[in-house]
Amino acid sequence: MKTINGLVRAITRQPSKRYLAYMLSPQWERVRNEHLFRCDYVCEICRQAKACQVHHTTYVRLGYELPQDLCAVCVRCHHNIHCSIFTPANDNQLSLPLADTGTS
C-alpha cells in the first residue's frame, strides 16, 4: 500500500504536457523576461536576492498571464514556495515540482 500511495503522489505531481510545452515556448520566455525586468530583477518575496525565476501565483490564465499572476523570485524563495514553506496561493502550486534549471 505504501508503494502505491507513493506512486500516486509522484504521478499527480507531474506538470501537464500543456504546461511543459508553454514553459519551453518563446512566448513564456518573453513574458518571463518582461516580468523580471518590470521587477528590476529583485525577488518579490525576500526583496534581497536577485530574481532569476518567475513563479505563477495562478494558472487560470496560463499563456495569457496578467502581471499579478506572476512573481519574480530568487532560487531560494522559489524552492520554499514549492516545498510549501510558504502558504500556497492555490492548489496548483502543490502539483508543480521545482526545477533547478533557473528557467521556470
PDB file of N, CA and C in Angstrom:
ATOM      1  N   MET A   1       0.822  -1.199   0.000  1.00  0.00           N
ATOM      2  CA  MET A   1       0.000   0.000   0.000  1.00  0.00           C
ATOM      3  C   MET A   1       0.863   1.259   0.000  1.00  0.00           C
ATOM      4  N   LYS A   2       1.951   1.234   0.759  1.00  0.00           N
ATOM      5  CA  LYS A   2       2.839   2.386   0.838  1.00  0.00           C
ATOM      6  C   LYS A   2       3.421   2.726  -0.540  1.00  0.00           C
ATOM      7  N   THR A   3       3.803   1.729  -1.306  1.00  0.00           N
ATOM      8  CA  THR A   3       4.366   1.941  -2.636  1.00  0.00           C
ATOM      9  C   THR A   3       3.333   2.532  -3.588  1.00  0.00           C
ATOM     10  N   ILE A   4       2.109   2.055  -3.518  1.00  0.00           N
ATOM     11  CA  ILE A   4       1.043   2.572  -4.386  1.00  0.00           C
ATOM     12  C   ILE A   4       0.765   4.039  -4.066  1.00  0.00           C
ATOM     13  N   ASN A   5       0.711   4.396  -2.794  1.00  0.00           N
ATOM     14  CA  ASN A   5       0.479   5.792  -2.424  1.00  0.00           C
ATOM     15  C   ASN A   5       1.616   6.686  -2.919  1.00  0.00           C
ATOM     16  N   GLY A   6       2.842   6.212  -2.810  1.00  0.00           N
ATOM     17  CA  GLY A   6       3.992   6.973  -3.303  1.00  0.00           C
ATOM     18  C   GLY A   6       3.922   7.172  -4.805  1.00  0.00           C
ATOM     19  N   LEU A   7       3.515   6.145  -5.519  1.00  0.00           N
ATOM     20  CA  LEU A   7       3.391   6.226  -6.972  1.00  0.00           C
ATOM     21  C   LEU A   7       2.290   7.207  -7.362  1.00  0.00           C
ATOM     22  N   VAL A   8       1.164   7.140  -6.688  1.00  0.00           N
ATOM     23  CA  VAL A   8       0.061   8.067  -6.967  1.00  0.00           C
ATOM     24  C   VAL A   8       0.518   9.499  -6.728  1.00  0.00           C
ATOM     25  N   ARG A   9       1.224   9.758  -5.623  1.00  0.00           N
ATOM     26  CA  ARG A   9       1.723  11.113  -5.340  1.00  0.00           C
ATOM     27  C   ARG A   9       2.688  11.572  -6.424  1.00  0.00           C
ATOM     28  N   ALA A  10       3.576  10.700  -6.870  1.00  0.00           N
ATOM     29  CA  ALA A  10       4.555  11.060  -7.910  1.00  0.00           C
ATOM     30  C   ALA A  10       3.859  11.391  -9.222  1.00  0.00           C
ATOM     31  N   ILE A  11       2.859  10.604  -9.586  1.00  0.00           N
ATOM     32  CA  ILE A  11       2.148  10.835 -10.847  1.00  0.00           C
ATOM     33  C   ILE A  11       1.373  12.145 -10.790  1.00  0.00           C
ATOM     34  N   THR A  12       0.679  12.413  -9.695  1.00  0.00           N
ATOM     35  CA  THR A  12      -0.129  13.625  -9.617  1.00  0.00           C
ATOM     36  C   THR A  12       0.716  14.872  -9.470  1.00  0.00           C
ATOM     37  N   ARG A  13       1.990  14.749  -9.133  1.00  0.00           N
ATOM     38  CA  ARG A  13       2.855  15.914  -9.007  1.00  0.00           C
ATOM     39  C   ARG A  13       3.508  16.298 -10.332  1.00  0.00           C
ATOM     40  N   GLN A  14       3.295  15.531 -11.380  1.00  0.00           N
ATOM     41  CA  GLN A  14       3.900  15.826 -12.669  1.00  0.00           C
ATOM     42  C   GLN A  14       3.137  16.941 -13.364  1.00  0.00           C
ATOM     43  N   PRO A  15       3.842  17.926 -13.895  1.00  0.00           N
ATOM     44  CA  PRO A  15       3.159  19.004 -14.624  1.00  0.00           C
ATOM     45  C   PRO A  15       2.554  18.479 -15.921  1.00  0.00           C
ATOM     46  N   SER A  16       1.518  19.153 -16.390  1.00  0.00           N
ATOM     47  CA  SER A  16       0.840  18.733 -17.612  1.00  0.00           C
ATOM     48  C   SER A  16       1.720  18.989 -18.834  1.00  0.00           C
ATOM     49  N   LYS A  17       1.397  18.290 -19.914  1.00  0.00           N
ATOM     50  CA  LYS A  17       2.120  18.494 -21.176  1.00  0.00           C
ATOM     51  C   LYS A  17       1.938  19.929 -21.673  1.00  0.00           C
ATOM     52  N   ARG A  18       0.736  20.474 -21.487  1.00  0.00           N
ATOM     53  CA  ARG A  18       0.463  21.858 -21.906  1.00  0.00           C
ATOM     54  C   ARG A  18       1.366  22.827 -21.151  1.00  0.00           C
ATOM     55  N   TYR A  19       1.485  22.621 -19.838  1.00  0.00           N
ATOM     56  CA  TYR A  19       2.328  23.485 -19.016  1.00  0.00           C
ATOM     57  C   TYR A  19       3.793  23.372 -19.452  1.00  0.00           C
ATOM     58  N   LEU A  20       4.278  22.154 -19.626  1.00  0.00           N
ATOM     59  CA  LEU A  20       5.672  21.958 -20.033  1.00  0.00           C
ATOM     60  C   LEU A  20       5.954  22.579 -21.396  1.00  0.00           C
ATOM     61  N   ALA A  21       5.037  22.402 -22.337  1.00  0.00           N
ATOM     62  CA  ALA A  21       5.221  22.998 -23.663  1.00  0.00           C
ATOM     63  C   ALA A  21       5.272  24.514 -23.563  1.00  0.00           C
ATOM     64  N   TYR A  22       4.423  25.090 -22.746  1.00  0.00           N
ATOM     65  CA  TYR A  22       4.407  26.541 -22.587  1.00  0.00           C
ATOM     66  C   TYR A  22       5.698  27.031 -21.946  1.00  0.00           C
ATOM     67  N   MET A  23       6.193  26.320 -20.941  1.00  0.00           N
ATOM     68  CA  MET A  23       7.424  26.724 -20.254  1.00  0.00           C
ATOM     69  C   MET A  23       8.638  26.726 -21.191  1.00  0.00           C
ATOM     70  N   LEU A  24       8.565  25.952 -22.263  1.00  0.00           N
ATOM     71  CA  LEU A  24       9.653  25.889 -23.237  1.00  0.00           C
ATOM     72  C   LEU A  24       9.436  26.814 -24.434  1.00  0.00           C
ATOM     73  N   SER A  25       8.327  27.526 -24.446  1.00  0.00           N
ATOM     74  CA  SER A  25       7.967  28.333 -25.613  1.00  0.00           C
ATOM     75  C   SER A  25       8.632  29.713 -25.596  1.00  0.00           C
ATOM     76  N   PRO A  26       8.817  30.291 -26.783  1.00  0.00           N
ATOM     77  CA  PRO A  26       9.317  31.669 -26.875  1.00  0.00           C
ATOM     78  C   PRO A  26       8.368  32.664 -26.202  1.00  0.00           C
ATOM     79  N   GLN A  27       7.061  32.365 -26.222  1.00  0.00           N
ATOM     80  CA  GLN A  27       6.090  33.253 -25.583  1.00  0.00           C
ATOM     81  C   GLN A  27       6.372  33.354 -24.083  1.00  0.00           C
ATOM     82  N   TRP A  28       6.585  32.197 -23.407  1.00  0.00           N
ATOM     83  CA  TRP A  28       6.878  32.229 -21.967  1.00  0.00           C
ATOM     84  C   TRP A  28       8.206  32.930 -21.709  1.00  0.00           C
ATOM     85  N   GLU A  29       9.194  32.704 -22.546  1.00  0.00           N
ATOM     86  CA  GLU A  29      10.488  33.366 -22.364  1.00  0.00           C
ATOM     87  C   GLU A  29      10.320  34.888 -22.394  1.00  0.00           C
ATOM     88  N   ARG A  30       9.489  35.376 -23.311  1.00  0.00           N
ATOM     89  CA  ARG A  30       9.231  36.812 -23.403  1.00  0.00           C
ATOM     90  C   ARG A  30       8.490  37.318 -22.164  1.00  0.00           C
ATOM     91  N   VAL A  31       7.418  36.618 -21.774  1.00  0.00           N
ATOM     92  CA  VAL A  31       6.626  37.020 -20.596  1.00  0.00           C
ATOM     93  C   VAL A  31       7.509  37.000 -19.351  1.00  0.00           C
ATOM     94  N   ARG A  32       8.299  35.950 -19.199  1.00  0.00           N
ATOM     95  CA  ARG A  32       9.196  35.797 -18.051  1.00  0.00           C
ATOM     96  C   ARG A  32      10.202  36.941 -17.991  1.00  0.00           C
ATOM     97  N   ASN A  33      10.844  37.207 -19.116  1.00  0.00           N
ATOM     98  CA  ASN A  33      11.848  38.275 -19.152  1.00  0.00           C
ATOM     99  C   ASN A  33      11.233  39.650 -18.894  1.00  0.00           C
ATOM    100  N   GLU A  34      10.048  39.886 -19.434  1.00  0.00           N
ATOM    101  CA  GLU A  34       9.363  41.167 -19.183  1.00  0.00           C
ATOM    102  C   GLU A  34       9.030  41.327 -17.700  1.00  0.00           C
ATOM    103  N   HIS A  35       8.606  40.246 -17.066  1.00  0.00           N
ATOM    104  CA  HIS A  35       8.263  40.337 -15.639  1.00  0.00           C
ATOM    105  C   HIS A  35       9.521  40.565 -14.790  1.00  0.00           C
ATOM    106  N   LEU A  36      10.593  39.867 -15.093  1.00  0.00           N
ATOM    107  CA  LEU A  36      11.846  40.080 -14.357  1.00  0.00           C
ATOM    108  C   LEU A  36      12.313  41.525 -14.514  1.00  0.00           C
ATOM    109  N   PHE A  37      12.223  42.051 -15.723  1.00  0.00           N
ATOM    110  CA  PHE A  37      12.616  43.441 -15.980  1.00  0.00           C
ATOM    111  C   PHE A  37      11.731  44.409 -15.201  1.00  0.00           C
ATOM    112  N   ARG A  38      10.425  44.165 -15.223  1.00  0.00           N
ATOM    113  CA  ARG A  38       9.465  45.022 -14.526  1.00  0.00           C
ATOM    114  C   ARG A  38       9.755  45.061 -13.020  1.00  0.00           C
ATOM    115  N   CYS A  39      10.271  43.965 -12.486  1.00  0.00           N
ATOM    116  CA  CYS A  39      10.575  43.875 -11.043  1.00  0.00           C
ATOM    117  C   CYS A  39      12.031  44.217 -10.748  1.00  0.00           C
ATOM    118  N   ASP A  40      12.725  44.722 -11.757  1.00  0.00           N
ATOM    119  CA  ASP A  40      14.131  45.116 -11.607  1.00  0.00           C
ATOM    120  C   ASP A  40      15.001  43.961 -11.120  1.00  0.00           C
ATOM    121  N   TYR A  41      14.618  42.741 -11.472  1.00  0.00           N
ATOM    122  CA  TYR A  41      15.375  41.534 -11.132  1.00  0.00           C
ATOM    123  C   TYR A  41      15.582  41.374  -9.626  1.00  0.00           C
ATOM    124  N   VAL A  42      14.633  41.868  -8.821  1.00  0.00           N
ATOM    125  CA  VAL A  42      14.684  41.729  -7.367  1.00  0.00           C
ATOM    126  C   VAL A  42      13.570  40.774  -6.952  1.00  0.00           C
ATOM    127  N   CYS A  43      13.895  39.821  -6.080  1.00  0.00           N
ATOM    128  CA  CYS A  43      12.918  38.852  -5.595  1.00  0.00           C
ATOM    129  C   CYS A  43      11.766  39.583  -4.910  1.00  0.00           C
ATOM    130  N   GLU A  44      10.555  39.290  -5.349  1.00  0.00           N
ATOM    131  CA  GLU A  44       9.378  39.945  -4.790  1.00  0.00           C
ATOM    132  C   GLU A  44       8.997  39.384  -3.420  1.00  0.00           C
ATOM    133  N   ILE A  45       9.641  38.323  -2.982  1.00  0.00           N
ATOM    134  CA  ILE A  45       9.332  37.755  -1.674  1.00  0.00           C
ATOM    135  C   ILE A  45      10.310  38.250  -0.622  1.00  0.00           C
ATOM    136  N   CYS A  46      11.600  37.969  -0.811  1.00  0.00           N
ATOM    137  CA  CYS A  46      12.577  38.383   0.212  1.00  0.00           C
ATOM    138  C   CYS A  46      13.074  39.808  -0.001  1.00  0.00           C
ATOM    139  N   ARG A  47      12.912  40.327  -1.220  1.00  0.00           N
ATOM    140  CA  ARG A  47      13.345  41.691  -1.576  1.00  0.00           C
ATOM    141  C   ARG A  47      14.844  41.934  -1.355  1.00  0.00           C
ATOM    142  N   GLN A  48      15.621  40.848  -1.314  1.00  0.00           N
ATOM    143  CA  GLN A  48      17.069  40.977  -1.097  1.00  0.00           C
ATOM    144  C   GLN A  48      17.875  40.333  -2.218  1.00  0.00           C
ATOM    145  N   ALA A  49      17.468  39.146  -2.609  1.00  0.00           N
ATOM    146  CA  ALA A  49      18.244  38.387  -3.592  1.00  0.00           C
ATOM    147  C   ALA A  49      17.826  38.741  -5.013  1.00  0.00           C
ATOM    148  N   LYS A  50      18.689  38.393  -5.951  1.00  0.00           N
ATOM    149  CA  LYS A  50      18.396  38.606  -7.365  1.00  0.00           C
ATOM    150  C   LYS A  50      17.340  37.596  -7.815  1.00  0.00           C
ATOM    151  N   ALA A  51      16.302  38.093  -8.455  1.00  0.00           N
ATOM    152  CA  ALA A  51      15.269  37.216  -9.017  1.00  0.00           C
ATOM    153  C   ALA A  51      15.753  36.695 -10.361  1.00  0.00           C
ATOM    154  N   CYS A  52      15.734  35.400 -10.504  1.00  0.00           N
ATOM    155  CA  CYS A  52      16.151  34.796 -11.771  1.00  0.00           C
ATOM    156  C   CYS A  52      15.097  33.813 -12.284  1.00  0.00           C
ATOM    157  N   GLN A  53      13.995  33.685 -11.541  1.00  0.00           N
ATOM    158  CA  GLN A  53      12.906  32.797 -11.922  1.00  0.00           C
ATOM    159  C   GLN A  53      11.592  33.548 -11.758  1.00  0.00           C
ATOM    160  N   VAL A  54      10.560  33.068 -12.439  1.00  0.00           N
ATOM    161  CA  VAL A  54       9.229  33.663 -12.310  1.00  0.00           C
ATOM    162  C   VAL A  54       8.252  32.548 -11.958  1.00  0.00           C
ATOM    163  N   HIS A  55       7.523  32.774 -10.886  1.00  0.00           N
ATOM    164  CA  HIS A  55       6.567  31.792 -10.385  1.00  0.00           C
ATOM    165  C   HIS A  55       5.145  32.234 -10.714  1.00  0.00           C
ATOM    166  N   HIS A  56       4.301  31.280 -11.104  1.00  0.00           N
ATOM    167  CA  HIS A  56       2.882  31.558 -11.324  1.00  0.00           C
ATOM    168  C   HIS A  56       2.159  31.507  -9.988  1.00  0.00           C
ATOM    169  N   THR A  57       1.396  32.541  -9.662  1.00  0.00           N
ATOM    170  CA  THR A  57       0.566  32.510  -8.461  1.00  0.00           C
ATOM    171  C   THR A  57      -0.797  31.909  -8.775  1.00  0.00           C
ATOM    172  N   THR A  58      -1.130  31.841 -10.049  1.00  0.00           N
ATOM    173  CA  THR A  58      -2.339  31.168 -10.522  1.00  0.00           C
ATOM    174  C   THR A  58      -2.059  30.663 -11.934  1.00  0.00           C
ATOM    175  N   TYR A  59      -2.765  29.611 -12.317  1.00  0.00           N
ATOM    176  CA  TYR A  59      -2.602  29.055 -13.665  1.00  0.00           C
ATOM    177  C   TYR A  59      -3.881  29.233 -14.482  1.00  0.00           C
ATOM    178  N   VAL A  60      -4.798  30.019 -13.981  1.00  0.00           N
ATOM    179  CA  VAL A  60      -6.084  30.236 -14.646  1.00  0.00           C
ATOM    180  C   VAL A  60      -5.877  30.835 -16.029  1.00  0.00           C
ATOM    181  N   ARG A  61      -4.913  31.739 -16.165  1.00  0.00           N
ATOM    182  CA  ARG A  61      -4.670  32.414 -17.452  1.00  0.00           C
ATOM    183  C   ARG A  61      -3.343  31.964 -18.071  1.00  0.00           C
ATOM    184  N   LEU A  62      -2.972  30.716 -17.895  1.00  0.00           N
ATOM    185  CA  LEU A  62      -1.713  30.212 -18.436  1.00  0.00           C
ATOM    186  C   LEU A  62      -1.615  30.515 -19.922  1.00  0.00           C
ATOM    187  N   GLY A  63      -0.601  31.248 -20.293  1.00  0.00           N
ATOM    188  CA  GLY A  63      -0.432  31.676 -21.679  1.00  0.00           C
ATOM    189  C   GLY A  63      -0.968  33.070 -21.939  1.00  0.00           C
ATOM    190  N   TYR A  64      -1.763  33.570 -20.997  1.00  0.00           N
ATOM    191  CA  TYR A  64      -2.357  34.907 -21.103  1.00  0.00           C
ATOM    192  C   TYR A  64      -2.225  35.626 -19.756  1.00  0.00           C
ATOM    193  N   GLU A  65      -1.102  35.414 -19.076  1.00  0.00           N
ATOM    194  CA  GLU A  65      -0.913  35.911 -17.716  1.00  0.00           C
ATOM    195  C   GLU A  65      -1.010  37.428 -17.630  1.00  0.00           C
ATOM    196  N   LEU A  66      -1.572  37.864 -16.516  1.00  0.00           N
ATOM    197  CA  LEU A  66      -1.517  39.262 -16.135  1.00  0.00           C
ATOM    198  C   LEU A  66      -0.329  39.427 -15.198  1.00  0.00           C
ATOM    199  N   PRO A  67       0.215  40.638 -15.052  1.00  0.00           N
ATOM    200  CA  PRO A  67       1.364  40.807 -14.156  1.00  0.00           C
ATOM    201  C   PRO A  67       1.113  40.279 -12.740  1.00  0.00           C
ATOM    202  N   GLN A  68      -0.107  40.415 -12.251  1.00  0.00           N
ATOM    203  CA  GLN A  68      -0.400  39.947 -10.894  1.00  0.00           C
ATOM    204  C   GLN A  68      -0.478  38.420 -10.787  1.00  0.00           C
ATOM    205  N   ASP A  69      -0.430  37.720 -11.920  1.00  0.00           N
ATOM    206  CA  ASP A  69      -0.414  36.256 -11.919  1.00  0.00           C
ATOM    207  C   ASP A  69       0.987  35.709 -11.706  1.00  0.00           C
ATOM    208  N   LEU A  70       1.978  36.590 -11.733  1.00  0.00           N
ATOM    209  CA  LEU A  70       3.382  36.172 -11.699  1.00  0.00           C
ATOM    210  C   LEU A  70       4.117  36.789 -10.523  1.00  0.00           C
ATOM    211  N   CYS A  71       5.181  36.129 -10.119  1.00  0.00           N
ATOM    212  CA  CYS A  71       6.004  36.622  -9.020  1.00  0.00           C
ATOM    213  C   CYS A  71       7.468  36.343  -9.349  1.00  0.00           C
ATOM    214  N   ALA A  72       8.267  37.393  -9.452  1.00  0.00           N
ATOM    215  CA  ALA A  72       9.705  37.233  -9.685  1.00  0.00           C
ATOM    216  C   ALA A  72      10.337  36.747  -8.380  1.00  0.00           C
ATOM    217  N   VAL A  73      11.094  35.675  -8.460  1.00  0.00           N
ATOM    218  CA  VAL A  73      11.650  35.073  -7.246  1.00  0.00           C
ATOM    219  C   VAL A  73      13.102  34.651  -7.427  1.00  0.00           C
ATOM    220  N   CYS A  74      13.806  34.612  -6.293  1.00  0.00           N
ATOM    221  CA  CYS A  74      15.155  34.049  -6.280  1.00  0.00           C
ATOM    222  C   CYS A  74      15.015  32.524  -6.165  1.00  0.00           C
ATOM    223  N   VAL A  75      16.096  31.821  -6.357  1.00  0.00           N
ATOM    224  CA  VAL A  75      16.058  30.359  -6.313  1.00  0.00           C
ATOM    225  C   VAL A  75      15.578  29.866  -4.950  1.00  0.00           C
ATOM    226  N   ARG A  76      16.082  30.462  -3.868  1.00  0.00           N
ATOM    227  CA  ARG A  76      15.708  30.008  -2.520  1.00  0.00           C
ATOM    228  C   ARG A  76      14.211  30.194  -2.262  1.00  0.00           C
ATOM    229  N   CYS A  77      13.681  31.368  -2.582  1.00  0.00           N
ATOM    230  CA  CYS A  77      12.254  31.614  -2.340  1.00  0.00           C
ATOM    231  C   CYS A  77      11.385  30.728  -3.226  1.00  0.00           C
ATOM    232  N   HIS A  78      11.804  30.491  -4.466  1.00  0.00           N
ATOM    233  CA  HIS A  78      11.031  29.621  -5.351  1.00  0.00           C
ATOM    234  C   HIS A  78      11.014  28.199  -4.797  1.00  0.00           C
ATOM    235  N   HIS A  79      12.139  27.746  -4.323  1.00  0.00           N
ATOM    236  CA  HIS A  79      12.214  26.425  -3.703  1.00  0.00           C
ATOM    237  C   HIS A  79      11.285  26.357  -2.488  1.00  0.00           C
ATOM    238  N   ASN A  80      11.318  27.394  -1.664  1.00  0.00           N
ATOM    239  CA  ASN A  80      10.470  27.421  -0.470  1.00  0.00           C
ATOM    240  C   ASN A  80       8.984  27.384  -0.826  1.00  0.00           C
ATOM    241  N   ILE A  81       8.610  28.072  -1.899  1.00  0.00           N
ATOM    242  CA  ILE A  81       7.217  28.043  -2.349  1.00  0.00           C
ATOM    243  C   ILE A  81       6.808  26.606  -2.676  1.00  0.00           C
ATOM    244  N   HIS A  82       7.633  25.930  -3.455  1.00  0.00           N
ATOM    245  CA  HIS A  82       7.281  24.583  -3.904  1.00  0.00           C
ATOM    246  C   HIS A  82       7.431  23.533  -2.816  1.00  0.00           C
ATOM    247  N   CYS A  83       8.150  23.834  -1.792  1.00  0.00           N
ATOM    248  CA  CYS A  83       8.266  22.913  -0.648  1.00  0.00           C
ATOM    249  C   CYS A  83       7.235  23.245   0.415  1.00  0.00           C
ATOM    250  N   SER A  84       6.330  24.139   0.092  1.00  0.00           N
ATOM    251  CA  SER A  84       5.229  24.533   0.967  1.00  0.00           C
ATOM    252  C   SER A  84       5.675  25.157   2.274  1.00  0.00           C
ATOM    253  N   ILE A  85       6.839  25.796   2.276  1.00  0.00           N
ATOM    254  CA  ILE A  85       7.247  26.558   3.451  1.00  0.00           C
ATOM    255  C   ILE A  85       6.383  27.801   3.535  1.00  0.00           C
ATOM    256  N   PHE A  86       6.070  28.394   2.358  1.00  0.00           N
ATOM    257  CA  PHE A  86       5.122  29.499   2.296  1.00  0.00           C
ATOM    258  C   PHE A  86       3.742  28.895   2.075  1.00  0.00           C
ATOM    259  N   THR A  87       2.717  29.559   2.526  1.00  0.00           N
ATOM    260  CA  THR A  87       1.360  29.103   2.282  1.00  0.00           C
ATOM    261  C   THR A  87       1.077  29.208   0.787  1.00  0.00           C
ATOM    262  N   PRO A  88       0.641  28.119   0.146  1.00  0.00           N
ATOM    263  CA  PRO A  88       0.366  28.166  -1.292  1.00  0.00           C
ATOM    264  C   PRO A  88      -0.748  29.153  -1.624  1.00  0.00           C
ATOM    265  N   ALA A  89      -0.590  29.831  -2.756  1.00  0.00           N
ATOM    266  CA  ALA A  89      -1.628  30.749  -3.222  1.00  0.00           C
ATOM    267  C   ALA A  89      -2.823  29.965  -3.744  1.00  0.00           C
ATOM    268  N   ASN A  90      -2.549  28.753  -4.224  1.00  0.00           N
ATOM    269  CA  ASN A  90      -3.619  27.904  -4.743  1.00  0.00           C
ATOM    270  C   ASN A  90      -3.140  26.460  -4.777  1.00  0.00           C
ATOM    271  N   ASP A  91      -4.038  25.533  -5.036  1.00  0.00           N
ATOM    272  CA  ASP A  91      -3.689  24.117  -5.051  1.00  0.00           C
ATOM    273  C   ASP A  91      -2.731  23.753  -6.176  1.00  0.00           C
ATOM    274  N   ASN A  92      -2.704  24.534  -7.255  1.00  0.00           N
ATOM    275  CA  ASN A  92      -1.826  24.205  -8.371  1.00  0.00           C
ATOM    276  C   ASN A  92      -0.358  24.211  -7.973  1.00  0.00           C
ATOM    277  N   GLN A  93       0.015  25.050  -7.027  1.00  0.00           N
ATOM    278  CA  GLN A  93       1.407  25.119  -6.610  1.00  0.00           C
ATOM    279  C   GLN A  93       1.883  23.783  -6.067  1.00  0.00           C
ATOM    280  N   LEU A  94       0.986  23.027  -5.478  1.00  0.00           N
ATOM    281  CA  LEU A  94       1.365  21.765  -4.878  1.00  0.00           C
ATOM    282  C   LEU A  94       1.589  20.682  -5.920  1.00  0.00           C
ATOM    283  N   SER A  95       1.210  20.924  -7.172  1.00  0.00           N
ATOM    284  CA  SER A  95       1.366  19.895  -8.195  1.00  0.00           C
ATOM    285  C   SER A  95       2.470  20.189  -9.194  1.00  0.00           C
ATOM    286  N   LEU A  96       3.274  21.226  -8.929  1.00  0.00           N
ATOM    287  CA  LEU A  96       4.358  21.571  -9.842  1.00  0.00           C
ATOM    288  C   LEU A  96       5.696  21.421  -9.139  1.00  0.00           C
ATOM    289  N   PRO A  97       6.459  20.375  -9.477  1.00  0.00           N
ATOM    290  CA  PRO A  97       7.752  20.209  -8.830  1.00  0.00           C
ATOM    291  C   PRO A  97       8.727  21.296  -9.256  1.00  0.00           C
ATOM    292  N   LEU A  98       9.589  21.695  -8.347  1.00  0.00           N
ATOM    293  CA  LEU A  98      10.577  22.735  -8.620  1.00  0.00           C
ATOM    294  C   LEU A  98      11.660  22.209  -9.535  1.00  0.00           C
ATOM    295  N   ALA A  99      11.933  22.935 -10.588  1.00  0.00           N
ATOM    296  CA  ALA A  99      13.052  22.611 -11.463  1.00  0.00           C
ATOM    297  C   ALA A  99      14.197  23.518 -11.109  1.00  0.00           C
ATOM    298  N   ASP A 100      15.383  22.997 -11.014  1.00  0.00           N
ATOM    299  CA  ASP A 100      16.522  23.825 -10.614  1.00  0.00           C
ATOM    300  C   ASP A 100      17.297  24.340 -11.813  1.00  0.00           C
ATOM    301  N   THR A 101      16.599  24.504 -12.941  1.00  0.00           N
ATOM    302  CA  THR A 101      17.258  24.944 -14.160  1.00  0.00           C
ATOM    303  C   THR A 101      17.404  26.459 -14.235  1.00  0.00           C
ATOM    304  N   GLY A 102      16.663  27.174 -13.366  1.00  0.00           N
ATOM    305  CA  GLY A 102      16.711  28.627 -13.400  1.00  0.00           C
ATOM    306  C   GLY A 102      15.855  29.228 -14.502  1.00  0.00           C
ATOM    307  N   THR A 103      15.064  28.372 -15.171  1.00  0.00           N
ATOM    308  CA  THR A 103      14.252  28.883 -16.275  1.00  0.00           C
ATOM    309  C   THR A 103      12.770  28.760 -16.018  1.00  0.00           C
ATOM    310  N   SER A 104      12.378  28.362 -14.847  1.00  0.00           N
ATOM    311  CA  SER A 104      10.943  28.193 -14.605  1.00  0.00           C
ATOM    312  C   SER A 104      10.301  29.410 -14.005  1.00  0.00           C
TER     313      SER A 104
END
